[in-house]
């Protein structure tokens, strides 16, 4: 059996930490106040469609989210707008907030996902983004205490990371939450 790191190459880099928050605007303000982070890129509503939850078709997941850069680490904040069963609700069934997942890019998405499953981490949610990339959350709570988000190699997703990094480097401190299209 091949391990997930073997499928991805000799090393797998964690590219992001994500937190589920109850109020996105308040969470952005809090992280800025505590860490000086900014700008938070995004803030609009998104729909994660073609959702499969624990192997069965499920309602789409509606969220608001942002990316922000903190040194080399990308941080994502997600506010849930829907009650559909999902990996987000698995972590916080009572509507709580906190650390949800770290994210990894996969040279071979399906093989890496299957390697995590072989390690005992079931696919909690798998869905298609608005721009057509299939992404999943594997449930690593038993071994890691959180979910792990797996990305395929995708230029749009890579571009989102570059945008958050460039926005942080050039930020003038005036606007805390900046829509994605402002950087398009």
C-alpha atoms as a PDB file:
ATOM      1  CA  UNK A   1       0.000   0.000   0.000  1.00  0.00           C
ATOM      2  CA  UNK A   2       1.391   3.397  -0.994  1.00  0.00           C
ATOM      3  CA  UNK A   3       1.343   6.115   1.625  1.00  0.00           C
ATOM      4  CA  UNK A   4      -0.121   9.527   0.864  1.00  0.00           C
ATOM      5  CA  UNK A   5       3.313  11.209   0.890  1.00  0.00           C
ATOM      6  CA  UNK A   6       4.620   8.624  -1.590  1.00  0.00           C
ATOM      7  CA  UNK A   7       1.769   9.406  -3.976  1.00  0.00           C
ATOM      8  CA  UNK A   8       2.354  13.143  -3.674  1.00  0.00           C
ATOM      9  CA  UNK A   9       6.143  12.830  -3.962  1.00  0.00           C
ATOM     10  CA  UNK A  10       8.828  12.678  -1.338  1.00  0.00           C
ATOM     11  CA  UNK A  11       7.239  15.434   0.712  1.00  0.00           C
ATOM     12  CA  UNK A  12       3.820  17.005   1.041  1.00  0.00           C
ATOM     13  CA  UNK A  13       3.693  20.669   2.000  1.00  0.00           C
ATOM     14  CA  UNK A  14       0.848  22.051   4.079  1.00  0.00           C
ATOM     15  CA  UNK A  15      -0.168  25.217   2.253  1.00  0.00           C
ATOM     16  CA  UNK A  16      -3.004  26.471   4.434  1.00  0.00           C
ATOM     17  CA  UNK A  17      -4.691  26.376   7.814  1.00  0.00           C
ATOM     18  CA  UNK A  18      -8.446  26.998   7.870  1.00  0.00           C
ATOM     19  CA  UNK A  19     -10.759  28.081  10.660  1.00  0.00           C
ATOM     20  CA  UNK A  20     -14.540  27.935  10.741  1.00  0.00           C
ATOM     21  CA  UNK A  21     -15.966  31.147  12.192  1.00  0.00           C
ATOM     22  CA  UNK A  22     -19.486  32.227  13.127  1.00  0.00           C
ATOM     23  CA  UNK A  23     -19.097  35.796  11.832  1.00  0.00           C
ATOM     24  CA  UNK A  24     -16.597  36.327   9.032  1.00  0.00           C
ATOM     25  CA  UNK A  25     -16.390  40.113   9.374  1.00  0.00           C
ATOM     26  CA  UNK A  26     -15.796  39.944  13.127  1.00  0.00           C
ATOM     27  CA  UNK A  27     -13.216  37.167  12.719  1.00  0.00           C
ATOM     28  CA  UNK A  28     -11.269  39.193  10.139  1.00  0.00           C
ATOM     29  CA  UNK A  29     -11.261  42.199  12.467  1.00  0.00           C
ATOM     30  CA  UNK A  30     -10.139  40.028  15.400  1.00  0.00           C
ATOM     31  CA  UNK A  31      -7.236  38.427  13.474  1.00  0.00           C
ATOM     32  CA  UNK A  32      -6.149  41.816  12.206  1.00  0.00           C
ATOM     33  CA  UNK A  33      -6.253  43.243  15.729  1.00  0.00           C
ATOM     34  CA  UNK A  34      -4.350  40.276  17.228  1.00  0.00           C
ATOM     35  CA  UNK A  35      -1.856  39.502  14.441  1.00  0.00           C
ATOM     36  CA  UNK A  36      -1.875  42.505  12.115  1.00  0.00           C
ATOM     37  CA  UNK A  37      -3.051  40.296   9.236  1.00  0.00           C
ATOM     38  CA  UNK A  38      -4.568  41.805   6.137  1.00  0.00           C
ATOM     39  CA  UNK A  39      -6.037  42.240   3.716  1.00  0.00           C
ATOM     40  CA  UNK A  40      -8.536  39.398   3.783  1.00  0.00           C
ATOM     41  CA  UNK A  41      -9.242  38.530   0.165  1.00  0.00           C
ATOM     42  CA  UNK A  42     -12.743  37.321  -0.731  1.00  0.00           C
ATOM     43  CA  UNK A  43     -15.734  37.733   1.527  1.00  0.00           C
ATOM     44  CA  UNK A  44     -18.435  36.922  -1.009  1.00  0.00           C
ATOM     45  CA  UNK A  45     -20.785  33.971  -0.880  1.00  0.00           C
ATOM     46  CA  UNK A  46     -19.688  30.743  -2.543  1.00  0.00           C
ATOM     47  CA  UNK A  47     -21.427  27.474  -3.290  1.00  0.00           C
ATOM     48  CA  UNK A  48     -19.673  24.125  -3.163  1.00  0.00           C
ATOM     49  CA  UNK A  49     -21.816  22.107  -5.558  1.00  0.00           C
ATOM     50  CA  UNK A  50     -22.026  18.494  -6.684  1.00  0.00           C
ATOM     51  CA  UNK A  51     -21.462  17.703  -3.016  1.00  0.00           C
ATOM     52  CA  UNK A  52     -21.014  14.113  -1.918  1.00  0.00           C
ATOM     53  CA  UNK A  53     -21.142  13.663   1.852  1.00  0.00           C
ATOM     54  CA  UNK A  54     -19.808  10.381   3.221  1.00  0.00           C
ATOM     55  CA  UNK A  55     -20.454   8.664  -0.128  1.00  0.00           C
ATOM     56  CA  UNK A  56     -24.001   9.947  -0.740  1.00  0.00           C
ATOM     57  CA  UNK A  57     -25.232  12.948  -2.759  1.00  0.00           C
ATOM     58  CA  UNK A  58     -25.901  15.913  -0.488  1.00  0.00           C
ATOM     59  CA  UNK A  59     -27.094  19.483  -0.696  1.00  0.00           C
ATOM     60  CA  UNK A  60     -24.528  22.077  -1.768  1.00  0.00           C
ATOM     61  CA  UNK A  61     -22.557  23.847   0.945  1.00  0.00           C
ATOM     62  CA  UNK A  62     -23.004  27.612   1.057  1.00  0.00           C
ATOM     63  CA  UNK A  63     -20.170  29.585   2.620  1.00  0.00           C
ATOM     64  CA  UNK A  64     -18.477  32.945   2.871  1.00  0.00           C
ATOM     65  CA  UNK A  65     -14.723  32.761   2.967  1.00  0.00           C
ATOM     66  CA  UNK A  66     -11.484  34.698   2.790  1.00  0.00           C
ATOM     67  CA  UNK A  67      -7.797  34.016   2.296  1.00  0.00           C
ATOM     68  CA  UNK A  68      -5.174  36.022   4.170  1.00  0.00           C
ATOM     69  CA  UNK A  69      -1.431  35.624   4.218  1.00  0.00           C
ATOM     70  CA  UNK A  70       0.584  35.374   7.436  1.00  0.00           C
ATOM     71  CA  UNK A  71       4.240  35.138   6.411  1.00  0.00           C
ATOM     72  CA  UNK A  72       4.569  31.917   4.421  1.00  0.00           C
ATOM     73  CA  UNK A  73       1.282  30.535   5.767  1.00  0.00           C
ATOM     74  CA  UNK A  74      -2.050  31.064   4.044  1.00  0.00           C
ATOM     75  CA  UNK A  75      -4.991  31.252   6.439  1.00  0.00           C
ATOM     76  CA  UNK A  76      -8.576  30.690   5.335  1.00  0.00           C
ATOM     77  CA  UNK A  77     -11.641  31.703   7.314  1.00  0.00           C
ATOM     78  CA  UNK A  78     -14.982  30.077   6.456  1.00  0.00           C
ATOM     79  CA  UNK A  79     -18.423  31.091   7.683  1.00  0.00           C
ATOM     80  CA  UNK A  80     -21.096  28.464   7.006  1.00  0.00           C
ATOM     81  CA  UNK A  81     -24.327  29.773   5.532  1.00  0.00           C
ATOM     82  CA  UNK A  82     -26.127  26.454   5.086  1.00  0.00           C
ATOM     83  CA  UNK A  83     -27.057  23.539   7.286  1.00  0.00           C
ATOM     84  CA  UNK A  84     -26.253  20.797   4.745  1.00  0.00           C
ATOM     85  CA  UNK A  85     -24.382  17.863   6.265  1.00  0.00           C
ATOM     86  CA  UNK A  86     -20.700  18.390   5.523  1.00  0.00           C
ATOM     87  CA  UNK A  87     -17.157  18.040   6.792  1.00  0.00           C
ATOM     88  CA  UNK A  88     -17.614  21.495   8.330  1.00  0.00           C
ATOM     89  CA  UNK A  89     -20.580  20.335  10.399  1.00  0.00           C
ATOM     90  CA  UNK A  90     -18.750  17.135  11.346  1.00  0.00           C
ATOM     91  CA  UNK A  91     -16.108  19.244  13.100  1.00  0.00           C
ATOM     92  CA  UNK A  92     -18.570  21.677  14.646  1.00  0.00           C
ATOM     93  CA  UNK A  93     -21.988  19.975  14.925  1.00  0.00           C
ATOM     94  CA  UNK A  94     -23.273  22.542  17.409  1.00  0.00           C
ATOM     95  CA  UNK A  95     -22.302  25.570  15.340  1.00  0.00           C
ATOM     96  CA  UNK A  96     -18.979  26.137  17.078  1.00  0.00           C
ATOM     97  CA  UNK A  97     -15.896  27.642  15.560  1.00  0.00           C
ATOM     98  CA  UNK A  98     -12.211  26.803  15.462  1.00  0.00           C
ATOM     99  CA  UNK A  99      -9.517  25.017  13.520  1.00  0.00           C
ATOM    100  CA  UNK A 100     -11.029  22.937  10.720  1.00  0.00           C
ATOM    101  CA  UNK A 101      -8.374  21.759   8.272  1.00  0.00           C
ATOM    102  CA  UNK A 102      -5.025  22.103   6.655  1.00  0.00           C
ATOM    103  CA  UNK A 103      -4.736  21.970   2.878  1.00  0.00           C
ATOM    104  CA  UNK A 104      -2.411  20.112   0.515  1.00  0.00           C
ATOM    105  CA  UNK A 105      -1.928  20.175  -3.252  1.00  0.00           C
ATOM    106  CA  UNK A 106      -1.804  16.757  -4.908  1.00  0.00           C
ATOM    107  CA  UNK A 107       0.080  15.893  -8.084  1.00  0.00           C
ATOM    108  CA  UNK A 108      -2.412  13.027  -8.453  1.00  0.00           C
ATOM    109  CA  UNK A 109      -5.615  14.031  -6.659  1.00  0.00           C
ATOM    110  CA  UNK A 110      -7.452  10.675  -6.901  1.00  0.00           C
ATOM    111  CA  UNK A 111      -4.431   8.604  -5.901  1.00  0.00           C
ATOM    112  CA  UNK A 112      -3.636  10.878  -2.955  1.00  0.00           C
ATOM    113  CA  UNK A 113      -7.277  10.853  -1.787  1.00  0.00           C
ATOM    114  CA  UNK A 114      -7.341   7.060  -2.044  1.00  0.00           C
ATOM    115  CA  UNK A 115      -4.064   6.787  -0.109  1.00  0.00           C
ATOM    116  CA  UNK A 116      -5.543   8.853   2.751  1.00  0.00           C
ATOM    117  CA  UNK A 117      -8.628   6.626   2.707  1.00  0.00           C
ATOM    118  CA  UNK A 118      -6.363   3.556   2.875  1.00  0.00           C
ATOM    119  CA  UNK A 119      -4.790   5.136   5.972  1.00  0.00           C
ATOM    120  CA  UNK A 120      -8.240   5.166   7.622  1.00  0.00           C
ATOM    121  CA  UNK A 121      -9.294   8.724   6.798  1.00  0.00           C
ATOM    122  CA  UNK A 122     -12.712   8.587   5.144  1.00  0.00           C
ATOM    123  CA  UNK A 123     -13.742  11.206   2.614  1.00  0.00           C
ATOM    124  CA  UNK A 124     -16.178  13.366   4.584  1.00  0.00           C
ATOM    125  CA  UNK A 125     -17.088  15.823   1.804  1.00  0.00           C
ATOM    126  CA  UNK A 126     -16.135  15.962  -1.843  1.00  0.00           C
ATOM    127  CA  UNK A 127     -17.441  18.669  -4.139  1.00  0.00           C
ATOM    128  CA  UNK A 128     -16.802  20.757  -7.215  1.00  0.00           C
ATOM    129  CA  UNK A 129     -15.837  24.415  -6.851  1.00  0.00           C
ATOM    130  CA  UNK A 130     -17.513  27.144  -8.876  1.00  0.00           C
ATOM    131  CA  UNK A 131     -14.580  27.035 -11.310  1.00  0.00           C
ATOM    132  CA  UNK A 132     -14.744  23.264 -11.782  1.00  0.00           C
ATOM    133  CA  UNK A 133     -12.034  21.833  -9.504  1.00  0.00           C
ATOM    134  CA  UNK A 134     -12.914  18.727  -7.480  1.00  0.00           C
ATOM    135  CA  UNK A 135     -11.762  19.057  -3.860  1.00  0.00           C
ATOM    136  CA  UNK A 136     -12.306  16.911  -0.794  1.00  0.00           C
ATOM    137  CA  UNK A 137     -11.964  16.871   2.963  1.00  0.00           C
ATOM    138  CA  UNK A 138     -10.642  13.656   4.438  1.00  0.00           C
ATOM    139  CA  UNK A 139     -11.571  13.041   8.041  1.00  0.00           C
ATOM    140  CA  UNK A 140      -8.311  12.836   9.964  1.00  0.00           C
ATOM    141  CA  UNK A 141      -9.825  13.748  13.326  1.00  0.00           C
ATOM    142  CA  UNK A 142      -8.840  10.420  14.897  1.00  0.00           C
ATOM    143  CA  UNK A 143      -5.152  10.910  14.100  1.00  0.00           C
ATOM    144  CA  UNK A 144      -4.728  14.664  13.545  1.00  0.00           C
ATOM    145  CA  UNK A 145      -7.700  16.241  15.335  1.00  0.00           C
ATOM    146  CA  UNK A 146      -8.939  17.937  12.165  1.00  0.00           C
ATOM    147  CA  UNK A 147      -9.875  17.519   8.506  1.00  0.00           C
ATOM    148  CA  UNK A 148      -7.392  17.611   5.632  1.00  0.00           C
ATOM    149  CA  UNK A 149      -8.347  19.368   2.401  1.00  0.00           C
ATOM    150  CA  UNK A 150      -6.931  17.879  -0.788  1.00  0.00           C
ATOM    151  CA  UNK A 151      -6.574  20.010  -3.914  1.00  0.00           C
ATOM    152  CA  UNK A 152      -5.696  18.884  -7.408  1.00  0.00           C
ATOM    153  CA  UNK A 153      -2.942  20.868  -9.092  1.00  0.00           C
ATOM    154  CA  UNK A 154      -5.047  23.728 -10.429  1.00  0.00           C
ATOM    155  CA  UNK A 155      -3.905  27.080 -11.811  1.00  0.00           C
ATOM    156  CA  UNK A 156      -6.944  28.940 -10.432  1.00  0.00           C
ATOM    157  CA  UNK A 157      -6.321  27.674  -6.893  1.00  0.00           C
ATOM    158  CA  UNK A 158      -2.588  28.384  -7.178  1.00  0.00           C
ATOM    159  CA  UNK A 159      -3.522  31.859  -8.411  1.00  0.00           C
ATOM    160  CA  UNK A 160      -5.679  32.433  -5.339  1.00  0.00           C
ATOM    161  CA  UNK A 161      -2.658  31.735  -3.151  1.00  0.00           C
ATOM    162  CA  UNK A 162      -0.450  34.071  -5.223  1.00  0.00           C
ATOM    163  CA  UNK A 163      -3.137  36.770  -5.000  1.00  0.00           C
ATOM    164  CA  UNK A 164      -3.365  36.531  -1.191  1.00  0.00           C
ATOM    165  CA  UNK A 165       0.432  36.716  -0.898  1.00  0.00           C
ATOM    166  CA  UNK A 166       0.710  39.711  -3.269  1.00  0.00           C
ATOM    167  CA  UNK A 167      -2.190  41.488  -1.553  1.00  0.00           C
ATOM    168  CA  UNK A 168      -0.493  41.172   1.837  1.00  0.00           C
ATOM    169  CA  UNK A 169       2.807  42.473   0.463  1.00  0.00           C
ATOM    170  CA  UNK A 170       1.165  45.540  -1.086  1.00  0.00           C
ATOM    171  CA  UNK A 171      -1.531  46.232   1.513  1.00  0.00           C
ATOM    172  CA  UNK A 172      -1.947  49.855   2.545  1.00  0.00           C
ATOM    173  CA  UNK A 173      -4.101  48.971   5.580  1.00  0.00           C
ATOM    174  CA  UNK A 174      -7.168  50.844   4.354  1.00  0.00           C
ATOM    175  CA  UNK A 175      -9.633  48.093   3.456  1.00  0.00           C
ATOM    176  CA  UNK A 176      -9.746  44.977   5.627  1.00  0.00           C
ATOM    177  CA  UNK A 177     -11.822  42.680   3.361  1.00  0.00           C
ATOM    178  CA  UNK A 178     -11.159  43.047  -0.356  1.00  0.00           C
ATOM    179  CA  UNK A 179     -13.189  41.130  -2.969  1.00  0.00           C
ATOM    180  CA  UNK A 180     -11.335  38.683  -5.234  1.00  0.00           C
ATOM    181  CA  UNK A 181     -12.331  40.560  -8.368  1.00  0.00           C
ATOM    182  CA  UNK A 182     -10.423  43.629  -7.185  1.00  0.00           C
ATOM    183  CA  UNK A 183      -7.247  41.659  -7.923  1.00  0.00           C
ATOM    184  CA  UNK A 184      -8.427  40.125 -11.232  1.00  0.00           C
END
